[in-house]
């Protein structure tokens, strides 16, 4: 097997992922890395992310309806994806071992790992939705029929 040549750009991409919890897209990482390496291309970022993922140094997270995300945490854990804003959050408290064990009982092959992705509306989007509803309720209560104006 060939020895992997050291790359300062790859190291910077890896370090960038180790220090964040927002599960960035390749574009987000590219924007950060360009500050240190102004001449780096988006293609280089994608190739290095793919290589780091293949080597098991990072996780590539593919989910329906959102761009691939990347996670520096390679320990088994699950995720939540907001259907409104696309935010991805770790769900460390989920016990996937029992799901894995149950699946293994019902499956003739060998299950090596398990990951669960929850979908829904994140707390920030729910707050925004509640604020918008409150504003709409307020404005509908203060609207008056045409030609009728409130008296002071």
Protein backbone atom coordinates (compact mmCIF):
# COMPACT_ATOMS: atom_id res chain seq x y z
CA UNK A 1 0.00 0.00 0.00
CA UNK A 2 1.32 3.43 -0.95
CA UNK A 3 2.23 5.89 1.78
CA UNK A 4 -0.01 8.94 1.86
CA UNK A 5 1.95 12.13 1.26
CA UNK A 6 1.48 14.80 3.95
CA UNK A 7 -0.55 17.81 2.84
CA UNK A 8 -0.88 21.05 4.80
CA UNK A 9 -4.21 21.70 3.07
CA UNK A 10 -5.57 18.27 4.06
CA UNK A 11 -4.35 18.79 7.62
CA UNK A 12 -6.11 22.20 7.73
CA UNK A 13 -9.35 20.65 6.45
CA UNK A 14 -9.14 17.89 9.05
CA UNK A 15 -8.37 20.36 11.86
CA UNK A 16 -11.24 22.59 10.73
CA UNK A 17 -13.65 19.68 11.17
CA UNK A 18 -12.23 18.72 14.56
CA UNK A 19 -13.07 22.13 15.98
CA UNK A 20 -16.69 22.47 14.93
CA UNK A 21 -20.03 20.86 15.71
CA UNK A 22 -22.17 22.32 12.92
CA UNK A 23 -21.61 19.49 10.41
CA UNK A 24 -20.47 21.82 7.63
CA UNK A 25 -20.87 21.33 3.90
CA UNK A 26 -17.83 21.28 1.62
CA UNK A 27 -18.65 24.89 0.65
CA UNK A 28 -18.58 25.99 4.30
CA UNK A 29 -15.22 24.30 4.86
CA UNK A 30 -13.91 25.81 1.61
CA UNK A 31 -14.85 29.31 2.83
CA UNK A 32 -12.92 28.74 6.08
CA UNK A 33 -9.86 27.13 4.49
CA UNK A 34 -9.53 29.91 1.88
CA UNK A 35 -8.61 32.28 4.71
CA UNK A 36 -5.42 30.27 5.28
CA UNK A 37 -4.93 28.98 1.72
CA UNK A 38 -6.33 31.65 -0.66
CA UNK A 39 -5.43 29.64 -3.78
CA UNK A 40 -7.10 26.38 -2.73
CA UNK A 41 -9.84 25.17 -5.07
CA UNK A 42 -13.21 23.77 -4.12
CA UNK A 43 -12.22 20.59 -5.99
CA UNK A 44 -9.21 20.16 -3.70
CA UNK A 45 -11.46 20.50 -0.66
CA UNK A 46 -13.87 17.89 -2.07
CA UNK A 47 -11.04 15.46 -2.92
CA UNK A 48 -9.50 15.79 0.54
CA UNK A 49 -12.85 15.38 2.28
CA UNK A 50 -13.46 12.24 0.22
CA UNK A 51 -10.02 10.88 1.08
CA UNK A 52 -10.39 11.66 4.80
CA UNK A 53 -13.78 9.96 4.76
CA UNK A 54 -12.39 6.89 2.95
CA UNK A 55 -9.60 6.69 5.54
CA UNK A 56 -12.14 6.80 8.40
CA UNK A 57 -10.76 10.08 9.76
CA UNK A 58 -14.08 11.93 9.27
CA UNK A 59 -17.68 11.01 8.49
CA UNK A 60 -19.46 11.99 5.29
CA UNK A 61 -23.15 12.42 6.09
CA UNK A 62 -25.50 12.10 3.15
CA UNK A 63 -29.19 12.76 3.75
CA UNK A 64 -32.24 13.36 1.59
CA UNK A 65 -32.82 16.93 0.56
CA UNK A 66 -29.65 18.49 1.99
CA UNK A 67 -26.07 18.84 0.77
CA UNK A 68 -23.58 16.29 2.06
CA UNK A 69 -22.28 17.28 5.47
CA UNK A 70 -19.06 16.32 7.20
CA UNK A 71 -18.40 15.38 10.82
CA UNK A 72 -15.04 15.20 12.59
CA UNK A 73 -16.55 12.91 15.22
CA UNK A 74 -16.12 9.35 13.96
CA UNK A 75 -17.47 7.72 17.12
CA UNK A 76 -20.90 6.12 16.67
CA UNK A 77 -23.64 8.70 17.13
CA UNK A 78 -26.89 9.73 15.48
CA UNK A 79 -28.16 12.95 13.95
CA UNK A 80 -31.20 15.22 13.65
CA UNK A 81 -31.82 17.18 10.43
CA UNK A 82 -34.19 20.14 10.35
CA UNK A 83 -36.50 19.98 7.33
CA UNK A 84 -36.83 23.78 7.28
CA UNK A 85 -33.29 25.15 7.59
CA UNK A 86 -31.20 22.00 6.99
CA UNK A 87 -29.33 22.29 10.30
CA UNK A 88 -27.77 19.03 11.47
CA UNK A 89 -27.32 18.24 15.16
CA UNK A 90 -25.71 15.36 17.03
CA UNK A 91 -28.07 13.08 18.94
CA UNK A 92 -25.64 11.45 21.38
CA UNK A 93 -28.28 10.18 23.79
CA UNK A 94 -29.85 7.61 21.44
CA UNK A 95 -29.11 3.97 22.33
CA UNK A 96 -28.69 2.40 18.91
CA UNK A 97 -27.20 -0.79 20.34
CA UNK A 98 -30.64 -2.32 20.97
CA UNK A 99 -31.71 -1.48 17.39
CA UNK A 100 -28.53 -3.05 16.08
CA UNK A 101 -29.07 -6.18 18.21
CA UNK A 102 -32.70 -6.52 17.10
CA UNK A 103 -31.74 -6.08 13.46
CA UNK A 104 -29.00 -8.70 13.84
CA UNK A 105 -31.56 -11.20 15.16
CA UNK A 106 -33.72 -10.67 12.07
CA UNK A 107 -30.92 -10.52 9.49
CA UNK A 108 -28.79 -13.36 8.19
CA UNK A 109 -25.79 -11.14 7.40
CA UNK A 110 -23.44 -9.35 9.75
CA UNK A 111 -24.35 -5.87 10.95
CA UNK A 112 -21.26 -3.85 11.79
CA UNK A 113 -22.73 -0.48 12.67
CA UNK A 114 -25.95 1.49 12.85
CA UNK A 115 -26.80 5.16 12.49
CA UNK A 116 -30.17 6.82 12.91
CA UNK A 117 -31.16 10.13 11.34
CA UNK A 118 -34.14 11.93 12.84
CA UNK A 119 -36.00 14.51 10.73
CA UNK A 120 -38.22 17.31 11.96
CA UNK A 121 -38.22 20.99 12.87
CA UNK A 122 -35.37 22.33 15.03
CA UNK A 123 -35.94 24.52 18.09
CA UNK A 124 -34.79 27.69 16.29
CA UNK A 125 -37.25 27.18 13.42
CA UNK A 126 -40.06 26.39 15.88
CA UNK A 127 -39.33 29.66 17.72
CA UNK A 128 -39.32 31.61 14.45
CA UNK A 129 -42.58 29.92 13.45
CA UNK A 130 -44.17 30.80 16.80
CA UNK A 131 -43.01 34.43 16.50
CA UNK A 132 -44.40 34.68 12.96
CA UNK A 133 -47.75 33.24 14.09
CA UNK A 134 -47.88 35.70 16.97
CA UNK A 135 -47.19 38.60 14.59
CA UNK A 136 -49.85 37.35 12.15
CA UNK A 137 -52.41 36.97 14.96
CA UNK A 138 -51.61 40.47 16.19
CA UNK A 139 -51.88 42.01 12.73
CA UNK A 140 -55.16 40.19 11.96
CA UNK A 141 -56.63 41.44 15.25
CA UNK A 142 -55.67 45.02 14.42
CA UNK A 143 -57.00 45.01 10.83
CA UNK A 144 -60.36 46.65 10.28
CA UNK A 145 -62.92 46.36 7.51
CA UNK A 146 -62.49 48.77 4.61
CA UNK A 147 -63.90 52.19 5.40
CA UNK A 148 -64.19 51.56 9.15
CA UNK A 149 -61.45 53.14 11.19
CA UNK A 150 -60.96 52.71 14.93
CA UNK A 151 -61.92 55.68 17.04
CA UNK A 152 -59.53 57.09 19.55
